[in-house]
Protein backbone atom coordinates (compact mmCIF):
# COMPACT_ATOMS: atom_id res chain seq x y z
CA MET A 1 -58.85 9.98 -37.24
CA ALA A 2 -61.86 12.30 -37.31
CA ASP A 3 -63.22 10.52 -40.40
CA PHE A 4 -62.72 7.13 -38.77
CA CYS A 5 -64.55 8.28 -35.65
CA GLY A 6 -67.33 9.75 -37.76
CA GLY A 7 -67.71 6.42 -39.54
CA ILE A 8 -67.93 4.52 -36.27
CA LEU A 9 -70.57 6.90 -34.94
CA GLU A 10 -72.50 6.65 -38.21
CA ALA A 11 -72.43 2.86 -37.88
CA ARG A 12 -73.74 3.14 -34.31
CA ARG A 13 -76.69 5.19 -35.56
CA ASN A 14 -77.57 2.60 -38.19
CA ILE A 15 -76.76 -0.81 -36.73
CA SER A 16 -76.55 -2.58 -33.41
CA LEU A 17 -72.93 -2.68 -32.23
CA SER A 18 -71.22 -5.39 -30.24
CA THR A 19 -70.08 -4.55 -26.72
CA ARG A 20 -66.51 -3.89 -27.89
CA GLN A 21 -67.73 -1.78 -30.82
CA ALA A 22 -69.88 0.27 -28.43
CA ILE A 23 -66.80 0.98 -26.30
CA ILE A 24 -64.93 2.14 -29.40
CA ALA A 25 -67.88 4.35 -30.37
CA LYS A 26 -67.80 5.99 -26.93
CA GLN A 27 -64.07 6.61 -27.31
CA CYS A 28 -64.76 8.13 -30.73
CA GLU A 29 -67.27 10.51 -29.14
CA ILE A 30 -64.60 11.63 -26.68
CA LEU A 31 -62.06 12.16 -29.46
CA LEU A 32 -64.43 14.16 -31.66
CA ASP A 33 -65.44 16.31 -28.71
CA ALA A 34 -61.78 17.04 -27.96
CA PHE A 35 -61.01 17.74 -31.63
CA SER A 36 -63.88 20.20 -31.83
CA LYS A 37 -62.81 22.07 -28.69
CA VAL A 38 -59.20 22.39 -29.87
CA GLY A 39 -60.41 23.28 -33.37
CA ILE A 40 -62.44 26.17 -32.00
CA ILE A 41 -59.42 27.39 -30.05
CA ALA A 42 -57.32 27.23 -33.24
CA LEU A 43 -59.93 29.12 -35.27
CA VAL A 44 -60.20 31.87 -32.67
CA ASP A 45 -56.40 32.08 -32.49
CA GLU A 46 -56.18 32.48 -36.26
CA GLU A 47 -58.91 35.11 -36.34
CA THR A 48 -57.22 37.15 -33.61
CA GLY A 49 -53.63 36.54 -34.72
CA TYR A 50 -52.84 34.79 -31.44
CA GLN A 51 -51.38 31.75 -33.23
CA TYR A 52 -48.17 33.79 -33.60
CA GLU A 53 -48.06 34.51 -29.87
CA ARG A 54 -48.86 31.13 -28.35
CA GLU A 55 -46.31 28.43 -27.66
CA ARG A 56 -45.56 26.14 -30.60
CA ASN A 57 -47.20 23.10 -28.98
CA GLU A 58 -50.01 24.90 -27.13
CA LEU A 59 -52.79 23.21 -29.11
CA GLN A 60 -51.27 19.82 -28.34
CA LYS A 61 -51.28 20.75 -24.65
CA GLN A 62 -54.93 21.74 -24.91
CA LEU A 63 -55.76 18.41 -26.56
CA GLN A 64 -53.93 16.55 -23.79
CA LYS A 65 -55.88 18.53 -21.21
CA VAL A 66 -59.21 17.68 -22.82
CA LEU A 67 -58.45 14.01 -23.50
CA GLY A 68 -56.38 13.25 -20.46
CA LEU A 69 -52.72 12.36 -20.56
CA TYR A 70 -53.22 8.59 -20.87
CA VAL A 71 -54.32 8.90 -24.49
CA LEU A 72 -51.28 10.82 -25.71
CA GLU A 73 -48.51 9.41 -23.54
CA LYS A 74 -47.97 6.24 -25.58
CA PRO A 75 -47.27 7.96 -28.93
CA LYS A 76 -44.45 10.07 -27.45
CA LYS A 77 -41.78 7.51 -28.39
CA TRP A 78 -42.91 7.83 -32.03
CA GLN A 79 -42.76 11.64 -32.07
CA LYS A 80 -39.00 11.50 -32.60
CA ILE A 81 -39.51 9.29 -35.65
CA PHE A 82 -42.64 11.04 -36.96
CA PRO A 83 -42.58 14.67 -35.73
């Protein structure tokens, strides 16, 4: 997902996007921002050993908080199939 978003943002830097493509590029910015914030949390947790103390799905909760629940609500039905 991060590579896809990076590709979309690279395209936006180099070509003129359609209106729909520009919306997707904005969504990619939001995703990459959220990924970076949660990634920093994960790195700090690993450096301090906190990853053994936090709840199992704490990073997922942080991602939901950053992105907003609407993004991650739909995939919930698939989590049972693809944990």
